[in-house]
Each structure stands twice: as C-alpha cells, then as structure tokens.
Amino acid sequence: MKPRYQALRTISNIYRYGGVTFLMFGIFGAILISEDIYGRFNVGVFLTALIGVIFSSLGSIAIGELIQLVVSIEENTRASTQLLARLVRNQQGENQQPGA
C-alpha cells in the first residue's frame, strides 16, 4: 500500500525531533540561567526553568506522536476498507455461481 500524507509525516518528525532537541538545549539553558552574577546557583530558578522546558518539550513530542497516530489510524482504516471490499466481492462471486 502506497504511503499517503507525506507532509503530515514530515511535520510529525519535526515536532518529535524538535521536542527532543529543545529538551537537550533547554536543560543546558536552565543551568546557565540559574547562576547569578556572583556565580551562585539558584535552585528555584533552575527547577522552574527545568519544569517549563520539560512540559514544553513533552508537549511538542506529544503533538508529533498524535499526528503520527492519526496517520496510522487512516492507514489501518484504508486497509480494512480494502479488505472488506475484497471479501464482499468474493462473497458476491460465490453467490452467483449456479448449483453448488
């Protein structure tokens, strides 16, 4: 079966890989912004930034996975429809044969 919706697959990959990339750079950024001008580490700022980065990146990854799920559902629905159509044609062919 020929894959369809290539644009949605590409967008899904952008969201998923973008979310992972944002998570990696976000953790590094959270560490950087947690130090004040005197070189002291502020745990509150770090945890707040880290929580924000985690939720943002997980949201992006989830959107990518949701798009992939919708495309997979469409593929499975199309395959089921084709199979049912083939079964109906076979059943109709059996019913039209005389004298069994």
PDB file of N, CA and C in Angstrom:
ATOM      1  N   MET A   1       0.841  -1.168   0.000  1.00  0.00           N
ATOM      2  CA  MET A   1       0.000   0.000   0.000  1.00  0.00           C
ATOM      3  C   MET A   1       0.894   1.242   0.000  1.00  0.00           C
ATOM      4  N   LYS A   2       0.571   2.169  -0.853  1.00  0.00           N
ATOM      5  CA  LYS A   2       1.375   3.378  -1.004  1.00  0.00           C
ATOM      6  C   LYS A   2       1.133   4.325   0.180  1.00  0.00           C
ATOM      7  N   PRO A   3       2.196   4.789   0.845  1.00  0.00           N
ATOM      8  CA  PRO A   3       2.007   5.729   1.958  1.00  0.00           C
ATOM      9  C   PRO A   3       1.464   7.066   1.461  1.00  0.00           C
ATOM     10  N   ARG A   4       0.575   7.624   2.240  1.00  0.00           N
ATOM     11  CA  ARG A   4      -0.017   8.913   1.911  1.00  0.00           C
ATOM     12  C   ARG A   4       0.328   9.909   3.019  1.00  0.00           C
ATOM     13  N   TYR A   5      -0.023  11.146   2.775  1.00  0.00           N
ATOM     14  CA  TYR A   5       0.142  12.226   3.751  1.00  0.00           C
ATOM     15  C   TYR A   5       1.602  12.400   4.176  1.00  0.00           C
ATOM     16  N   GLN A   6       2.472  12.497   3.204  1.00  0.00           N
ATOM     17  CA  GLN A   6       3.899  12.659   3.475  1.00  0.00           C
ATOM     18  C   GLN A   6       4.182  13.962   4.226  1.00  0.00           C
ATOM     19  N   ALA A   7       3.406  15.003   3.940  1.00  0.00           N
ATOM     20  CA  ALA A   7       3.607  16.281   4.637  1.00  0.00           C
ATOM     21  C   ALA A   7       3.327  16.135   6.133  1.00  0.00           C
ATOM     22  N   LEU A   8       2.277  15.383   6.484  1.00  0.00           N
ATOM     23  CA  LEU A   8       1.975  15.176   7.897  1.00  0.00           C
ATOM     24  C   LEU A   8       3.061  14.353   8.584  1.00  0.00           C
ATOM     25  N   ARG A   9       3.599  13.389   7.867  1.00  0.00           N
ATOM     26  CA  ARG A   9       4.700  12.603   8.439  1.00  0.00           C
ATOM     27  C   ARG A   9       5.913  13.489   8.706  1.00  0.00           C
ATOM     28  N   THR A  10       6.199  14.393   7.774  1.00  0.00           N
ATOM     29  CA  THR A  10       7.329  15.304   7.943  1.00  0.00           C
ATOM     30  C   THR A  10       7.092  16.250   9.116  1.00  0.00           C
ATOM     31  N   ILE A  11       5.892  16.792   9.202  1.00  0.00           N
ATOM     32  CA  ILE A  11       5.562  17.690  10.316  1.00  0.00           C
ATOM     33  C   ILE A  11       5.658  16.952  11.641  1.00  0.00           C
ATOM     34  N   SER A  12       5.196  15.714  11.668  1.00  0.00           N
ATOM     35  CA  SER A  12       5.280  14.901  12.881  1.00  0.00           C
ATOM     36  C   SER A  12       6.732  14.721  13.313  1.00  0.00           C
ATOM     37  N   ASN A  13       7.600  14.418  12.358  1.00  0.00           N
ATOM     38  CA  ASN A  13       9.022  14.249  12.683  1.00  0.00           C
ATOM     39  C   ASN A  13       9.645  15.551  13.171  1.00  0.00           C
ATOM     40  N   ILE A  14       9.251  16.663  12.583  1.00  0.00           N
ATOM     41  CA  ILE A  14       9.778  17.961  13.026  1.00  0.00           C
ATOM     42  C   ILE A  14       9.385  18.218  14.476  1.00  0.00           C
ATOM     43  N   TYR A  15       8.133  17.964  14.808  1.00  0.00           N
ATOM     44  CA  TYR A  15       7.692  18.156  16.195  1.00  0.00           C
ATOM     45  C   TYR A  15       8.424  17.220  17.154  1.00  0.00           C
ATOM     46  N   ARG A  16       8.550  15.958  16.771  1.00  0.00           N
ATOM     47  CA  ARG A  16       9.186  14.993  17.679  1.00  0.00           C
ATOM     48  C   ARG A  16      10.670  15.306  17.880  1.00  0.00           C
ATOM     49  N   TYR A  17      11.410  15.487  16.784  1.00  0.00           N
ATOM     50  CA  TYR A  17      12.840  15.761  16.918  1.00  0.00           C
ATOM     51  C   TYR A  17      13.084  17.159  17.479  1.00  0.00           C
ATOM     52  N   GLY A  18      12.215  18.090  17.146  1.00  0.00           N
ATOM     53  CA  GLY A  18      12.325  19.427  17.717  1.00  0.00           C
ATOM     54  C   GLY A  18      12.126  19.415  19.221  1.00  0.00           C
ATOM     55  N   GLY A  19      11.183  18.591  19.687  1.00  0.00           N
ATOM     56  CA  GLY A  19      10.944  18.474  21.131  1.00  0.00           C
ATOM     57  C   GLY A  19      12.131  17.890  21.862  1.00  0.00           C
ATOM     58  N   VAL A  20      12.752  16.884  21.280  1.00  0.00           N
ATOM     59  CA  VAL A  20      13.936  16.271  21.903  1.00  0.00           C
ATOM     60  C   VAL A  20      15.094  17.265  21.919  1.00  0.00           C
ATOM     61  N   THR A  21      15.270  17.980  20.808  1.00  0.00           N
ATOM     62  CA  THR A  21      16.338  18.980  20.732  1.00  0.00           C
ATOM     63  C   THR A  21      16.109  20.096  21.742  1.00  0.00           C
ATOM     64  N   PHE A  22      14.862  20.556  21.832  1.00  0.00           N
ATOM     65  CA  PHE A  22      14.535  21.611  22.787  1.00  0.00           C
ATOM     66  C   PHE A  22      14.795  21.149  24.217  1.00  0.00           C
ATOM     67  N   LEU A  23      14.510  19.896  24.508  1.00  0.00           N
ATOM     68  CA  LEU A  23      14.763  19.359  25.840  1.00  0.00           C
ATOM     69  C   LEU A  23      16.254  19.378  26.168  1.00  0.00           C
ATOM     70  N   MET A  24      17.077  18.955  25.225  1.00  0.00           N
ATOM     71  CA  MET A  24      18.525  18.919  25.479  1.00  0.00           C
ATOM     72  C   MET A  24      19.081  20.335  25.683  1.00  0.00           C
ATOM     73  N   PHE A  25      18.739  21.240  24.754  1.00  0.00           N
ATOM     74  CA  PHE A  25      19.241  22.604  24.891  1.00  0.00           C
ATOM     75  C   PHE A  25      18.588  23.331  26.063  1.00  0.00           C
ATOM     76  N   GLY A  26      17.355  22.983  26.356  1.00  0.00           N
ATOM     77  CA  GLY A  26      16.647  23.621  27.465  1.00  0.00           C
ATOM     78  C   GLY A  26      17.255  23.296  28.816  1.00  0.00           C
ATOM     79  N   ILE A  27      17.694  22.068  28.984  1.00  0.00           N
ATOM     80  CA  ILE A  27      18.344  21.691  30.249  1.00  0.00           C
ATOM     81  C   ILE A  27      19.641  22.481  30.405  1.00  0.00           C
ATOM     82  N   PHE A  28      20.397  22.569  29.328  1.00  0.00           N
ATOM     83  CA  PHE A  28      21.632  23.365  29.367  1.00  0.00           C
ATOM     84  C   PHE A  28      21.319  24.833  29.651  1.00  0.00           C
ATOM     85  N   GLY A  29      20.278  25.360  29.018  1.00  0.00           N
ATOM     86  CA  GLY A  29      19.876  26.751  29.249  1.00  0.00           C
ATOM     87  C   GLY A  29      19.402  26.985  30.678  1.00  0.00           C
ATOM     88  N   ALA A  30      18.697  26.007  31.231  1.00  0.00           N
ATOM     89  CA  ALA A  30      18.233  26.138  32.612  1.00  0.00           C
ATOM     90  C   ALA A  30      19.409  26.219  33.580  1.00  0.00           C
ATOM     91  N   ILE A  31      20.444  25.467  33.300  1.00  0.00           N
ATOM     92  CA  ILE A  31      21.648  25.526  34.137  1.00  0.00           C
ATOM     93  C   ILE A  31      22.310  26.900  34.010  1.00  0.00           C
ATOM     94  N   LEU A  32      22.378  27.409  32.768  1.00  0.00           N
ATOM     95  CA  LEU A  32      23.031  28.699  32.553  1.00  0.00           C
ATOM     96  C   LEU A  32      22.300  29.855  33.227  1.00  0.00           C
ATOM     97  N   ILE A  33      20.966  29.856  33.128  1.00  0.00           N
ATOM     98  CA  ILE A  33      20.234  30.989  33.701  1.00  0.00           C
ATOM     99  C   ILE A  33      20.101  30.899  35.214  1.00  0.00           C
ATOM    100  N   SER A  34      20.474  29.750  35.793  1.00  0.00           N
ATOM    101  CA  SER A  34      20.341  29.582  37.237  1.00  0.00           C
ATOM    102  C   SER A  34      21.487  30.200  38.021  1.00  0.00           C
ATOM    103  N   GLU A  35      22.526  30.601  37.339  1.00  0.00           N
ATOM    104  CA  GLU A  35      23.641  31.247  38.034  1.00  0.00           C
ATOM    105  C   GLU A  35      23.457  32.753  37.984  1.00  0.00           C
ATOM    106  N   ASP A  36      23.630  33.381  39.138  1.00  0.00           N
ATOM    107  CA  ASP A  36      23.517  34.842  39.163  1.00  0.00           C
ATOM    108  C   ASP A  36      24.870  35.470  38.829  1.00  0.00           C
ATOM    109  N   ILE A  37      24.942  36.778  38.925  1.00  0.00           N
ATOM    110  CA  ILE A  37      26.162  37.474  38.514  1.00  0.00           C
ATOM    111  C   ILE A  37      27.346  37.172  39.435  1.00  0.00           C
ATOM    112  N   TYR A  38      27.065  36.625  40.627  1.00  0.00           N
ATOM    113  CA  TYR A  38      28.134  36.308  41.569  1.00  0.00           C
ATOM    114  C   TYR A  38      28.564  34.843  41.471  1.00  0.00           C
ATOM    115  N   GLY A  39      27.980  34.095  40.523  1.00  0.00           N
ATOM    116  CA  GLY A  39      28.367  32.705  40.339  1.00  0.00           C
ATOM    117  C   GLY A  39      27.652  31.736  41.251  1.00  0.00           C
ATOM    118  N   ARG A  40      26.648  32.216  41.981  1.00  0.00           N
ATOM    119  CA  ARG A  40      25.894  31.325  42.863  1.00  0.00           C
ATOM    120  C   ARG A  40      24.774  30.646  42.072  1.00  0.00           C
ATOM    121  N   PHE A  41      24.488  29.415  42.429  1.00  0.00           N
ATOM    122  CA  PHE A  41      23.466  28.634  41.745  1.00  0.00           C
ATOM    123  C   PHE A  41      22.136  28.808  42.461  1.00  0.00           C
ATOM    124  N   ASN A  42      21.097  29.215  41.726  1.00  0.00           N
ATOM    125  CA  ASN A  42      19.768  29.414  42.291  1.00  0.00           C
ATOM    126  C   ASN A  42      18.898  28.208  41.935  1.00  0.00           C
ATOM    127  N   VAL A  43      18.622  27.384  42.942  1.00  0.00           N
ATOM    128  CA  VAL A  43      17.882  26.146  42.723  1.00  0.00           C
ATOM    129  C   VAL A  43      16.448  26.428  42.279  1.00  0.00           C
ATOM    130  N   GLY A  44      15.824  27.451  42.836  1.00  0.00           N
ATOM    131  CA  GLY A  44      14.442  27.778  42.478  1.00  0.00           C
ATOM    132  C   GLY A  44      14.293  28.143  41.003  1.00  0.00           C
ATOM    133  N   VAL A  45      15.199  28.954  40.518  1.00  0.00           N
ATOM    134  CA  VAL A  45      15.169  29.339  39.105  1.00  0.00           C
ATOM    135  C   VAL A  45      15.422  28.113  38.232  1.00  0.00           C
ATOM    136  N   PHE A  46      16.369  27.276  38.652  1.00  0.00           N
ATOM    137  CA  PHE A  46      16.679  26.079  37.881  1.00  0.00           C
ATOM    138  C   PHE A  46      15.477  25.147  37.784  1.00  0.00           C
ATOM    139  N   LEU A  47      14.845  24.873  38.911  1.00  0.00           N
ATOM    140  CA  LEU A  47      13.699  23.966  38.909  1.00  0.00           C
ATOM    141  C   LEU A  47      12.537  24.526  38.098  1.00  0.00           C
ATOM    142  N   THR A  48      12.296  25.818  38.207  1.00  0.00           N
ATOM    143  CA  THR A  48      11.221  26.447  37.437  1.00  0.00           C
ATOM    144  C   THR A  48      11.503  26.355  35.944  1.00  0.00           C
ATOM    145  N   ALA A  49      12.712  26.666  35.560  1.00  0.00           N
ATOM    146  CA  ALA A  49      13.076  26.584  34.146  1.00  0.00           C
ATOM    147  C   ALA A  49      13.035  25.141  33.653  1.00  0.00           C
ATOM    148  N   LEU A  50      13.509  24.231  34.469  1.00  0.00           N
ATOM    149  CA  LEU A  50      13.523  22.821  34.091  1.00  0.00           C
ATOM    150  C   LEU A  50      12.111  22.278  33.903  1.00  0.00           C
ATOM    151  N   ILE A  51      11.211  22.624  34.792  1.00  0.00           N
ATOM    152  CA  ILE A  51       9.821  22.177  34.665  1.00  0.00           C
ATOM    153  C   ILE A  51       9.200  22.751  33.400  1.00  0.00           C
ATOM    154  N   GLY A  52       9.454  24.013  33.124  1.00  0.00           N
ATOM    155  CA  GLY A  52       8.933  24.631  31.901  1.00  0.00           C
ATOM    156  C   GLY A  52       9.467  23.965  30.653  1.00  0.00           C
ATOM    157  N   VAL A  53      10.753  23.672  30.649  1.00  0.00           N
ATOM    158  CA  VAL A  53      11.378  23.022  29.491  1.00  0.00           C
ATOM    159  C   VAL A  53      10.822  21.614  29.299  1.00  0.00           C
ATOM    160  N   ILE A  54      10.661  20.885  30.373  1.00  0.00           N
ATOM    161  CA  ILE A  54      10.150  19.513  30.270  1.00  0.00           C
ATOM    162  C   ILE A  54       8.732  19.502  29.727  1.00  0.00           C
ATOM    163  N   PHE A  55       7.857  20.342  30.273  1.00  0.00           N
ATOM    164  CA  PHE A  55       6.472  20.367  29.797  1.00  0.00           C
ATOM    165  C   PHE A  55       6.380  20.853  28.351  1.00  0.00           C
ATOM    166  N   SER A  56       7.173  21.825  27.987  1.00  0.00           N
ATOM    167  CA  SER A  56       7.150  22.323  26.611  1.00  0.00           C
ATOM    168  C   SER A  56       7.636  21.264  25.625  1.00  0.00           C
ATOM    169  N   SER A  57       8.733  20.618  25.962  1.00  0.00           N
ATOM    170  CA  SER A  57       9.269  19.615  25.045  1.00  0.00           C
ATOM    171  C   SER A  57       8.364  18.385  24.980  1.00  0.00           C
ATOM    172  N   LEU A  58       7.795  17.980  26.103  1.00  0.00           N
ATOM    173  CA  LEU A  58       6.869  16.852  26.081  1.00  0.00           C
ATOM    174  C   LEU A  58       5.610  17.180  25.287  1.00  0.00           C
ATOM    175  N   GLY A  59       5.178  18.433  25.359  1.00  0.00           N
ATOM    176  CA  GLY A  59       4.034  18.854  24.554  1.00  0.00           C
ATOM    177  C   GLY A  59       4.331  18.754  23.075  1.00  0.00           C
ATOM    178  N   SER A  60       5.506  19.174  22.683  1.00  0.00           N
ATOM    179  CA  SER A  60       5.904  19.101  21.282  1.00  0.00           C
ATOM    180  C   SER A  60       6.023  17.651  20.820  1.00  0.00           C
ATOM    181  N   ILE A  61       6.625  16.810  21.637  1.00  0.00           N
ATOM    182  CA  ILE A  61       6.745  15.393  21.299  1.00  0.00           C
ATOM    183  C   ILE A  61       5.363  14.754  21.201  1.00  0.00           C
ATOM    184  N   ALA A  62       4.470  15.113  22.114  1.00  0.00           N
ATOM    185  CA  ALA A  62       3.117  14.562  22.099  1.00  0.00           C
ATOM    186  C   ALA A  62       2.351  14.975  20.844  1.00  0.00           C
ATOM    187  N   ILE A  63       2.519  16.206  20.397  1.00  0.00           N
ATOM    188  CA  ILE A  63       1.858  16.651  19.163  1.00  0.00           C
ATOM    189  C   ILE A  63       2.373  15.835  17.982  1.00  0.00           C
ATOM    190  N   GLY A  64       3.672  15.618  17.918  1.00  0.00           N
ATOM    191  CA  GLY A  64       4.246  14.804  16.848  1.00  0.00           C
ATOM    192  C   GLY A  64       3.720  13.377  16.869  1.00  0.00           C
ATOM    193  N   GLU A  65       3.625  12.793  18.040  1.00  0.00           N
ATOM    194  CA  GLU A  65       3.095  11.435  18.159  1.00  0.00           C
ATOM    195  C   GLU A  65       1.608  11.385  17.819  1.00  0.00           C
ATOM    196  N   LEU A  66       0.871  12.415  18.176  1.00  0.00           N
ATOM    197  CA  LEU A  66      -0.561  12.462  17.855  1.00  0.00           C
ATOM    198  C   LEU A  66      -0.780  12.531  16.352  1.00  0.00           C
ATOM    199  N   ILE A  67       0.020  13.319  15.661  1.00  0.00           N
ATOM    200  CA  ILE A  67      -0.077  13.384  14.199  1.00  0.00           C
ATOM    201  C   ILE A  67       0.236  12.013  13.605  1.00  0.00           C
ATOM    202  N   GLN A  68       1.265  11.363  14.115  1.00  0.00           N
ATOM    203  CA  GLN A  68       1.618  10.027  13.625  1.00  0.00           C
ATOM    204  C   GLN A  68       0.497   9.033  13.904  1.00  0.00           C
ATOM    205  N   LEU A  69      -0.157   9.151  15.044  1.00  0.00           N
ATOM    206  CA  LEU A  69      -1.272   8.273  15.379  1.00  0.00           C
ATOM    207  C   LEU A  69      -2.430   8.443  14.402  1.00  0.00           C
ATOM    208  N   VAL A  70      -2.754   9.674  14.066  1.00  0.00           N
ATOM    209  CA  VAL A  70      -3.846   9.940  13.136  1.00  0.00           C
ATOM    210  C   VAL A  70      -3.531   9.363  11.756  1.00  0.00           C
ATOM    211  N   VAL A  71      -2.295   9.508  11.308  1.00  0.00           N
ATOM    212  CA  VAL A  71      -1.901   8.948  10.022  1.00  0.00           C
ATOM    213  C   VAL A  71      -1.980   7.420  10.065  1.00  0.00           C
ATOM    214  N   SER A  72      -1.556   6.809  11.160  1.00  0.00           N
ATOM    215  CA  SER A  72      -1.635   5.353  11.293  1.00  0.00           C
ATOM    216  C   SER A  72      -3.082   4.870  11.309  1.00  0.00           C
ATOM    217  N   ILE A  73      -3.946   5.592  11.983  1.00  0.00           N
ATOM    218  CA  ILE A  73      -5.370   5.235  12.000  1.00  0.00           C
ATOM    219  C   ILE A  73      -5.941   5.288  10.585  1.00  0.00           C
ATOM    220  N   GLU A  74      -5.554   6.304   9.815  1.00  0.00           N
ATOM    221  CA  GLU A  74      -6.036   6.407   8.440  1.00  0.00           C
ATOM    222  C   GLU A  74      -5.551   5.224   7.611  1.00  0.00           C
ATOM    223  N   GLU A  75      -4.297   4.831   7.767  1.00  0.00           N
ATOM    224  CA  GLU A  75      -3.768   3.697   7.016  1.00  0.00           C
ATOM    225  C   GLU A  75      -4.506   2.414   7.374  1.00  0.00           C
ATOM    226  N   ASN A  76      -4.736   2.192   8.668  1.00  0.00           N
ATOM    227  CA  ASN A  76      -5.442   0.986   9.093  1.00  0.00           C
ATOM    228  C   ASN A  76      -6.890   0.981   8.613  1.00  0.00           C
ATOM    229  N   THR A  77      -7.536   2.133   8.622  1.00  0.00           N
ATOM    230  CA  THR A  77      -8.913   2.229   8.142  1.00  0.00           C
ATOM    231  C   THR A  77      -8.975   1.947   6.648  1.00  0.00           C
ATOM    232  N   ARG A  78      -8.036   2.484   5.900  1.00  0.00           N
ATOM    233  CA  ARG A  78      -7.996   2.250   4.454  1.00  0.00           C
ATOM    234  C   ARG A  78      -7.745   0.771   4.159  1.00  0.00           C
ATOM    235  N   ALA A  79      -6.832   0.136   4.886  1.00  0.00           N
ATOM    236  CA  ALA A  79      -6.559  -1.286   4.683  1.00  0.00           C
ATOM    237  C   ALA A  79      -7.783  -2.129   5.025  1.00  0.00           C
ATOM    238  N   SER A  80      -8.477  -1.791   6.100  1.00  0.00           N
ATOM    239  CA  SER A  80      -9.685  -2.523   6.474  1.00  0.00           C
ATOM    240  C   SER A  80     -10.772  -2.367   5.422  1.00  0.00           C
ATOM    241  N   THR A  81     -10.928  -1.173   4.888  1.00  0.00           N
ATOM    242  CA  THR A  81     -11.923  -0.928   3.854  1.00  0.00           C
ATOM    243  C   THR A  81     -11.611  -1.736   2.602  1.00  0.00           C
ATOM    244  N   GLN A  82     -10.352  -1.789   2.203  1.00  0.00           N
ATOM    245  CA  GLN A  82      -9.974  -2.565   1.028  1.00  0.00           C
ATOM    246  C   GLN A  82     -10.203  -4.056   1.255  1.00  0.00           C
ATOM    247  N   LEU A  83      -9.894  -4.540   2.443  1.00  0.00           N
ATOM    248  CA  LEU A  83     -10.110  -5.949   2.752  1.00  0.00           C
ATOM    249  C   LEU A  83     -11.588  -6.289   2.750  1.00  0.00           C
ATOM    250  N   LEU A  84     -12.413  -5.436   3.356  1.00  0.00           N
ATOM    251  CA  LEU A  84     -13.848  -5.683   3.371  1.00  0.00           C
ATOM    252  C   LEU A  84     -14.442  -5.649   1.967  1.00  0.00           C
ATOM    253  N   ALA A  85     -13.953  -4.743   1.132  1.00  0.00           N
ATOM    254  CA  ALA A  85     -14.437  -4.683  -0.250  1.00  0.00           C
ATOM    255  C   ALA A  85     -14.081  -5.963  -0.995  1.00  0.00           C
ATOM    256  N   ARG A  86     -12.886  -6.468  -0.769  1.00  0.00           N
ATOM    257  CA  ARG A  86     -12.473  -7.717  -1.409  1.00  0.00           C
ATOM    258  C   ARG A  86     -13.319  -8.890  -0.915  1.00  0.00           C
ATOM    259  N   LEU A  87     -13.600  -8.936   0.377  1.00  0.00           N
ATOM    260  CA  LEU A  87     -14.440 -10.004   0.930  1.00  0.00           C
ATOM    261  C   LEU A  87     -15.855  -9.944   0.363  1.00  0.00           C
ATOM    262  N   VAL A  88     -16.397  -8.743   0.213  1.00  0.00           N
ATOM    263  CA  VAL A  88     -17.740  -8.599  -0.350  1.00  0.00           C
ATOM    264  C   VAL A  88     -17.753  -9.063  -1.803  1.00  0.00           C
ATOM    265  N   ARG A  89     -16.749  -8.705  -2.580  1.00  0.00           N
ATOM    266  CA  ARG A  89     -16.671  -9.155  -3.977  1.00  0.00           C
ATOM    267  C   ARG A  89     -16.580 -10.673  -4.049  1.00  0.00           C
ATOM    268  N   ASN A  90     -15.772 -11.280  -3.189  1.00  0.00           N
ATOM    269  CA  ASN A  90     -15.650 -12.737  -3.165  1.00  0.00           C
ATOM    270  C   ASN A  90     -16.972 -13.398  -2.779  1.00  0.00           C
ATOM    271  N   GLN A  91     -17.648 -12.826  -1.807  1.00  0.00           N
ATOM    272  CA  GLN A  91     -18.929 -13.364  -1.361  1.00  0.00           C
ATOM    273  C   GLN A  91     -19.971 -13.258  -2.463  1.00  0.00           C
ATOM    274  N   GLN A  92     -19.995 -12.144  -3.186  1.00  0.00           N
ATOM    275  CA  GLN A  92     -20.939 -11.963  -4.273  1.00  0.00           C
ATOM    276  C   GLN A  92     -20.641 -12.942  -5.396  1.00  0.00           C
ATOM    277  N   GLY A  93     -19.379 -13.205  -5.660  1.00  0.00           N
ATOM    278  CA  GLY A  93     -18.997 -14.175  -6.690  1.00  0.00           C
ATOM    279  C   GLY A  93     -19.434 -15.580  -6.350  1.00  0.00           C
ATOM    280  N   GLU A  94     -19.357 -15.959  -5.078  1.00  0.00           N
ATOM    281  CA  GLU A  94     -19.796 -17.278  -4.651  1.00  0.00           C
ATOM    282  C   GLU A  94     -21.306 -17.418  -4.748  1.00  0.00           C
ATOM    283  N   ASN A  95     -22.045 -16.352  -4.454  1.00  0.00           N
ATOM    284  CA  ASN A  95     -23.497 -16.409  -4.503  1.00  0.00           C
ATOM    285  C   ASN A  95     -24.023 -16.475  -5.935  1.00  0.00           C
ATOM    286  N   GLN A  96     -23.254 -16.037  -6.921  1.00  0.00           N
ATOM    287  CA  GLN A  96     -23.716 -16.007  -8.317  1.00  0.00           C
ATOM    288  C   GLN A  96     -23.418 -17.297  -9.044  1.00  0.00           C
ATOM    289  N   GLN A  97     -22.626 -18.195  -8.479  1.00  0.00           N
ATOM    290  CA  GLN A  97     -22.316 -19.454  -9.146  1.00  0.00           C
ATOM    291  C   GLN A  97     -23.509 -20.400  -9.019  1.00  0.00           C
ATOM    292  N   PRO A  98     -23.973 -20.960 -10.131  1.00  0.00           N
ATOM    293  CA  PRO A  98     -25.139 -21.837 -10.093  1.00  0.00           C
ATOM    294  C   PRO A  98     -24.788 -23.222  -9.567  1.00  0.00           C
ATOM    295  N   GLY A  99     -25.751 -23.805  -8.874  1.00  0.00           N
ATOM    296  CA  GLY A  99     -25.716 -25.193  -8.421  1.00  0.00           C
ATOM    297  C   GLY A  99     -24.503 -25.621  -7.643  1.00  0.00           C
ATOM    298  N   ALA A 100     -24.519 -25.422  -6.394  1.00  0.00           N
ATOM    299  CA  ALA A 100     -23.395 -25.841  -5.593  1.00  0.00           C
ATOM    300  C   ALA A 100     -23.707 -27.044  -4.782  1.00  0.00           C
TER     301      ALA A 100
END
